[in-house]
Amino acid sequence: MAEKFEPDFAWQDPLADNCGSASRTDDTAQPALHALETVVSRVVPAPHMAHRTGFLIYNVEDRKLALPINSVEQVCPVVEITPLPSSPPSIIGLVNVHGSIVVVLNVRKKLGTVEREIELSDQLVIATADERQFALLVDDVTGVTTVLPDQIIIGPNGQTKLLQLNDVEIPIYDLA
């Protein structure tokens, strides 16, 4: 079962290192970051969990999605995103993550959901795929879960992988 994670982040100075806690002017985000580290540390397999796989569960619009935890570097509050002129619709813009410029992907566009303005409650999931770092703009992160191999199934289209959790099927977001 997914553990509930309710972040309690404060707005950050957009001119600072966007996802770096060292540049924060207050410490209100520290308890939430510690809670995420605690939850993520629970994903490290104990001997009896050796065959389990960890996933970060998050929401975009009214859809729950999963991302393999081994590709997640951190979750941080949304910050000012610098738009990229003439970029493809799948790219929202750029953010500074600990001094690195990271592309923010438009998950809504890939999912075909309704576009909306960025809200202060939104979050950035910083992830890595094929040795490239990027950020997913999501509505919120709801938790981390581990599953057995038989809980990862192929969807009706024969391509999409799904997590099967308590009669609920959650699509695994394809980072490709």
C-alpha atoms as a PDB file:
ATOM      1  CA  MET A   1       0.000   0.000   0.000  1.00  0.00           C
ATOM      2  CA  ALA A   2       1.262   3.518  -0.823  1.00  0.00           C
ATOM      3  CA  GLU A   3       2.328   5.614   2.113  1.00  0.00           C
ATOM      4  CA  LYS A   4       0.685   9.023   2.271  1.00  0.00           C
ATOM      5  CA  PHE A   5       3.089  11.912   1.751  1.00  0.00           C
ATOM      6  CA  GLU A   6       1.727  15.380   2.303  1.00  0.00           C
ATOM      7  CA  PRO A   7       4.361  18.015   1.511  1.00  0.00           C
ATOM      8  CA  ASP A   8       4.424  21.288   3.397  1.00  0.00           C
ATOM      9  CA  PHE A   9       6.625  23.463   1.215  1.00  0.00           C
ATOM     10  CA  ALA A  10       6.981  27.231   1.329  1.00  0.00           C
ATOM     11  CA  TRP A  11       7.408  29.424  -1.741  1.00  0.00           C
ATOM     12  CA  GLN A  12      11.044  29.983  -2.648  1.00  0.00           C
ATOM     13  CA  ASP A  13      12.849  32.986  -4.085  1.00  0.00           C
ATOM     14  CA  PRO A  14      12.772  32.357  -7.876  1.00  0.00           C
ATOM     15  CA  LEU A  15      16.188  33.988  -8.318  1.00  0.00           C
ATOM     16  CA  ALA A  16      17.827  31.494  -5.987  1.00  0.00           C
ATOM     17  CA  ASP A  17      18.942  27.950  -6.752  1.00  0.00           C
ATOM     18  CA  ASN A  18      15.423  26.747  -7.514  1.00  0.00           C
ATOM     19  CA  CYS A  19      15.495  23.327  -5.905  1.00  0.00           C
ATOM     20  CA  GLY A  20      18.338  23.789  -3.444  1.00  0.00           C
ATOM     21  CA  SER A  21      17.488  23.936   0.226  1.00  0.00           C
ATOM     22  CA  ALA A  22      20.736  25.788   1.008  1.00  0.00           C
ATOM     23  CA  SER A  23      19.444  28.965  -0.658  1.00  0.00           C
ATOM     24  CA  ARG A  24      16.101  29.051   1.154  1.00  0.00           C
ATOM     25  CA  THR A  25      15.380  32.051   3.302  1.00  0.00           C
ATOM     26  CA  ASP A  26      13.276  29.985   5.719  1.00  0.00           C
ATOM     27  CA  ASP A  27      13.295  26.427   7.030  1.00  0.00           C
ATOM     28  CA  THR A  28       9.605  25.601   6.554  1.00  0.00           C
ATOM     29  CA  ALA A  29      10.361  23.123   3.764  1.00  0.00           C
ATOM     30  CA  GLN A  30      12.875  21.144   5.815  1.00  0.00           C
ATOM     31  CA  PRO A  31      10.335  18.930   7.648  1.00  0.00           C
ATOM     32  CA  ALA A  32       8.720  17.962   4.340  1.00  0.00           C
ATOM     33  CA  LEU A  33      12.067  17.245   2.704  1.00  0.00           C
ATOM     34  CA  HIS A  34      13.033  15.115   5.701  1.00  0.00           C
ATOM     35  CA  ALA A  35       9.708  13.259   5.435  1.00  0.00           C
ATOM     36  CA  LEU A  36      10.366  12.527   1.747  1.00  0.00           C
ATOM     37  CA  GLU A  37      13.902  11.300   2.523  1.00  0.00           C
ATOM     38  CA  THR A  38      12.460   9.074   5.245  1.00  0.00           C
ATOM     39  CA  VAL A  39       9.827   7.624   2.916  1.00  0.00           C
ATOM     40  CA  VAL A  40      12.329   7.128   0.090  1.00  0.00           C
ATOM     41  CA  SER A  41      14.794   5.456   2.468  1.00  0.00           C
ATOM     42  CA  ARG A  42      12.092   2.920   3.273  1.00  0.00           C
ATOM     43  CA  VAL A  43      12.145   1.877  -0.378  1.00  0.00           C
ATOM     44  CA  VAL A  44      15.667   0.429  -0.006  1.00  0.00           C
ATOM     45  CA  PRO A  45      14.937  -3.287  -0.059  1.00  0.00           C
ATOM     46  CA  ALA A  46      15.247  -5.212   3.173  1.00  0.00           C
ATOM     47  CA  PRO A  47      16.102  -8.906   2.731  1.00  0.00           C
ATOM     48  CA  HIS A  48      12.415  -9.875   2.769  1.00  0.00           C
ATOM     49  CA  MET A  49      11.649  -7.192   0.137  1.00  0.00           C
ATOM     50  CA  ALA A  50      14.475  -8.026  -2.281  1.00  0.00           C
ATOM     51  CA  HIS A  51      12.157  -8.572  -5.240  1.00  0.00           C
ATOM     52  CA  ARG A  52      10.074  -5.432  -4.765  1.00  0.00           C
ATOM     53  CA  THR A  53      10.308  -2.332  -6.959  1.00  0.00           C
ATOM     54  CA  GLY A  54       9.722   1.197  -5.636  1.00  0.00           C
ATOM     55  CA  PHE A  55       7.527   3.823  -7.291  1.00  0.00           C
ATOM     56  CA  LEU A  56       6.746   7.486  -6.622  1.00  0.00           C
ATOM     57  CA  ILE A  57       2.987   8.092  -6.962  1.00  0.00           C
ATOM     58  CA  TYR A  58       1.850  11.535  -8.138  1.00  0.00           C
ATOM     59  CA  ASN A  59      -1.191  13.286  -9.589  1.00  0.00           C
ATOM     60  CA  VAL A  60      -1.729  15.265 -12.783  1.00  0.00           C
ATOM     61  CA  GLU A  61      -5.276  16.599 -13.074  1.00  0.00           C
ATOM     62  CA  ASP A  62      -7.479  13.716 -11.908  1.00  0.00           C
ATOM     63  CA  ARG A  63      -4.999  10.991 -12.905  1.00  0.00           C
ATOM     64  CA  LYS A  64      -2.652   9.043 -10.639  1.00  0.00           C
ATOM     65  CA  LEU A  65       0.675   8.128 -12.197  1.00  0.00           C
ATOM     66  CA  ALA A  66       3.767   6.230 -11.075  1.00  0.00           C
ATOM     67  CA  LEU A  67       7.455   6.818 -11.702  1.00  0.00           C
ATOM     68  CA  PRO A  68      10.173   4.288 -10.824  1.00  0.00           C
ATOM     69  CA  ILE A  69      11.804   5.535  -7.625  1.00  0.00           C
ATOM     70  CA  ASN A  70      15.284   4.732  -8.916  1.00  0.00           C
ATOM     71  CA  SER A  71      14.881   7.490 -11.528  1.00  0.00           C
ATOM     72  CA  VAL A  72      13.694  10.116  -8.980  1.00  0.00           C
ATOM     73  CA  GLU A  73      16.331  12.444  -7.576  1.00  0.00           C
ATOM     74  CA  GLN A  74      14.128  14.801  -5.579  1.00  0.00           C
ATOM     75  CA  VAL A  75      10.761  16.513  -5.298  1.00  0.00           C
ATOM     76  CA  CYS A  76      10.622  20.264  -4.767  1.00  0.00           C
ATOM     77  CA  PRO A  77       8.019  23.012  -4.839  1.00  0.00           C
ATOM     78  CA  VAL A  78       7.340  24.629  -8.175  1.00  0.00           C
ATOM     79  CA  VAL A  79       9.463  27.669  -8.866  1.00  0.00           C
ATOM     80  CA  GLU A  80       9.675  30.215 -11.625  1.00  0.00           C
ATOM     81  CA  ILE A  81      10.147  28.395 -14.919  1.00  0.00           C
ATOM     82  CA  THR A  82      12.041  30.266 -17.625  1.00  0.00           C
ATOM     83  CA  PRO A  83      10.200  29.765 -20.935  1.00  0.00           C
ATOM     84  CA  LEU A  84      12.137  28.572 -23.986  1.00  0.00           C
ATOM     85  CA  PRO A  85      11.181  30.422 -27.172  1.00  0.00           C
ATOM     86  CA  SER A  86      10.416  28.120 -30.112  1.00  0.00           C
ATOM     87  CA  SER A  87      10.541  24.995 -27.948  1.00  0.00           C
ATOM     88  CA  PRO A  88       8.334  21.997 -28.721  1.00  0.00           C
ATOM     89  CA  PRO A  89       4.992  21.837 -26.859  1.00  0.00           C
ATOM     90  CA  SER A  90       6.337  19.007 -24.693  1.00  0.00           C
ATOM     91  CA  ILE A  91       8.781  21.445 -23.015  1.00  0.00           C
ATOM     92  CA  ILE A  92       7.546  24.133 -20.620  1.00  0.00           C
ATOM     93  CA  GLY A  93      10.930  25.748 -19.988  1.00  0.00           C
ATOM     94  CA  LEU A  94      14.009  25.615 -17.764  1.00  0.00           C
ATOM     95  CA  VAL A  95      14.763  25.681 -14.021  1.00  0.00           C
ATOM     96  CA  ASN A  96      17.981  25.884 -12.013  1.00  0.00           C
ATOM     97  CA  VAL A  97      18.546  22.787  -9.854  1.00  0.00           C
ATOM     98  CA  HIS A  98      21.645  23.110  -7.678  1.00  0.00           C
ATOM     99  CA  GLY A  99      23.410  25.089 -10.410  1.00  0.00           C
ATOM    100  CA  SER A 100      22.361  22.803 -13.268  1.00  0.00           C
ATOM    101  CA  ILE A 101      19.908  23.941 -15.932  1.00  0.00           C
ATOM    102  CA  VAL A 102      17.102  21.374 -16.164  1.00  0.00           C
ATOM    103  CA  VAL A 103      14.365  21.066 -18.802  1.00  0.00           C
ATOM    104  CA  VAL A 104      10.792  21.023 -17.432  1.00  0.00           C
ATOM    105  CA  LEU A 105       8.568  18.598 -19.325  1.00  0.00           C
ATOM    106  CA  ASN A 106       4.881  19.234 -19.938  1.00  0.00           C
ATOM    107  CA  VAL A 107       3.246  16.076 -18.536  1.00  0.00           C
ATOM    108  CA  ARG A 108      -0.235  17.456 -19.304  1.00  0.00           C
ATOM    109  CA  LYS A 109       0.590  17.717 -23.000  1.00  0.00           C
ATOM    110  CA  LYS A 110       1.873  14.133 -23.148  1.00  0.00           C
ATOM    111  CA  LEU A 111      -1.225  12.868 -21.314  1.00  0.00           C
ATOM    112  CA  GLY A 112      -3.596  14.923 -23.454  1.00  0.00           C
ATOM    113  CA  THR A 113      -5.152  16.634 -20.422  1.00  0.00           C
ATOM    114  CA  VAL A 114      -6.359  20.223 -20.227  1.00  0.00           C
ATOM    115  CA  GLU A 115      -3.620  22.851 -19.912  1.00  0.00           C
ATOM    116  CA  ARG A 116      -3.818  25.204 -16.939  1.00  0.00           C
ATOM    117  CA  GLU A 117      -1.776  27.898 -15.255  1.00  0.00           C
ATOM    118  CA  ILE A 118       0.954  26.773 -12.870  1.00  0.00           C
ATOM    119  CA  GLU A 119      -0.196  26.932  -9.241  1.00  0.00           C
ATOM    120  CA  LEU A 120       1.906  27.472  -6.122  1.00  0.00           C
ATOM    121  CA  SER A 121       0.831  24.041  -4.871  1.00  0.00           C
ATOM    122  CA  ASP A 122       2.348  22.294  -7.926  1.00  0.00           C
ATOM    123  CA  GLN A 123       5.576  20.362  -7.545  1.00  0.00           C
ATOM    124  CA  LEU A 124       8.588  19.476  -9.652  1.00  0.00           C
ATOM    125  CA  VAL A 125       9.769  15.870  -9.716  1.00  0.00           C
ATOM    126  CA  ILE A 126      13.445  15.946 -10.639  1.00  0.00           C
ATOM    127  CA  ALA A 127      14.314  12.689 -12.389  1.00  0.00           C
ATOM    128  CA  THR A 128      16.989  11.102 -14.545  1.00  0.00           C
ATOM    129  CA  ALA A 129      16.580   8.922 -17.624  1.00  0.00           C
ATOM    130  CA  ASP A 130      19.336   7.868 -20.031  1.00  0.00           C
ATOM    131  CA  GLU A 131      21.793   9.943 -17.954  1.00  0.00           C
ATOM    132  CA  ARG A 132      19.775  13.130 -18.599  1.00  0.00           C
ATOM    133  CA  GLN A 133      18.211  15.137 -15.809  1.00  0.00           C
ATOM    134  CA  PHE A 134      14.778  16.705 -16.264  1.00  0.00           C
ATOM    135  CA  ALA A 135      11.789  17.895 -14.246  1.00  0.00           C
ATOM    136  CA  LEU A 136       8.161  16.827 -14.430  1.00  0.00           C
ATOM    137  CA  LEU A 137       5.594  19.464 -13.455  1.00  0.00           C
ATOM    138  CA  VAL A 138       2.956  17.639 -11.370  1.00  0.00           C
ATOM    139  CA  ASP A 139      -0.032  18.687  -9.278  1.00  0.00           C
ATOM    140  CA  ASP A 140       1.184  16.847  -6.181  1.00  0.00           C
ATOM    141  CA  VAL A 141       3.114  13.826  -4.950  1.00  0.00           C
ATOM    142  CA  THR A 142       0.986  11.456  -2.905  1.00  0.00           C
ATOM    143  CA  GLY A 143       3.516   8.882  -1.769  1.00  0.00           C
ATOM    144  CA  VAL A 144       5.971   6.101  -2.378  1.00  0.00           C
ATOM    145  CA  THR A 145       5.098   2.438  -2.664  1.00  0.00           C
ATOM    146  CA  THR A 146       6.853  -0.839  -3.337  1.00  0.00           C
ATOM    147  CA  VAL A 147       5.336  -3.601  -5.434  1.00  0.00           C
ATOM    148  CA  LEU A 148       6.043  -7.212  -6.308  1.00  0.00           C
ATOM    149  CA  PRO A 149       6.828  -8.078  -9.949  1.00  0.00           C
ATOM    150  CA  ASP A 150       3.353  -9.574 -10.479  1.00  0.00           C
ATOM    151  CA  GLN A 151       1.804  -6.192  -9.581  1.00  0.00           C
ATOM    152  CA  ILE A 152       3.364  -4.637 -12.709  1.00  0.00           C
ATOM    153  CA  ILE A 153       1.120  -5.537 -15.623  1.00  0.00           C
ATOM    154  CA  ILE A 154       0.790  -4.629 -19.299  1.00  0.00           C
ATOM    155  CA  GLY A 155      -2.218  -2.451 -20.129  1.00  0.00           C
ATOM    156  CA  PRO A 156      -4.933  -3.218 -22.689  1.00  0.00           C
ATOM    157  CA  ASN A 157      -2.993  -1.445 -25.452  1.00  0.00           C
ATOM    158  CA  GLY A 158      -0.145  -3.949 -25.028  1.00  0.00           C
ATOM    159  CA  GLN A 159       2.437  -1.209 -24.407  1.00  0.00           C
ATOM    160  CA  THR A 160       1.633   0.768 -21.258  1.00  0.00           C
ATOM    161  CA  LYS A 161       2.843  -0.715 -17.997  1.00  0.00           C
ATOM    162  CA  LEU A 162       0.506  -0.395 -15.017  1.00  0.00           C
ATOM    163  CA  LEU A 163       0.844  -0.857 -11.270  1.00  0.00           C
ATOM    164  CA  GLN A 164      -1.968  -2.922  -9.848  1.00  0.00           C
ATOM    165  CA  LEU A 165      -2.636  -1.733  -6.291  1.00  0.00           C
ATOM    166  CA  ASN A 166      -5.780  -2.853  -4.444  1.00  0.00           C
ATOM    167  CA  ASP A 167      -7.926  -3.138  -7.598  1.00  0.00           C
ATOM    168  CA  VAL A 168      -6.608   0.204  -8.889  1.00  0.00           C
ATOM    169  CA  GLU A 169      -4.411   0.350 -11.976  1.00  0.00           C
ATOM    170  CA  ILE A 170      -1.910   3.228 -12.038  1.00  0.00           C
ATOM    171  CA  PRO A 171      -0.020   3.935 -15.307  1.00  0.00           C
ATOM    172  CA  ILE A 172       3.760   3.990 -15.057  1.00  0.00           C
ATOM    173  CA  TYR A 173       4.861   7.219 -16.754  1.00  0.00           C
ATOM    174  CA  ASP A 174       7.149   6.510 -19.695  1.00  0.00           C
ATOM    175  CA  LEU A 175      10.230   8.729 -19.452  1.00  0.00           C
ATOM    176  CA  ALA A 176      11.186   8.130 -23.095  1.00  0.00           C
END
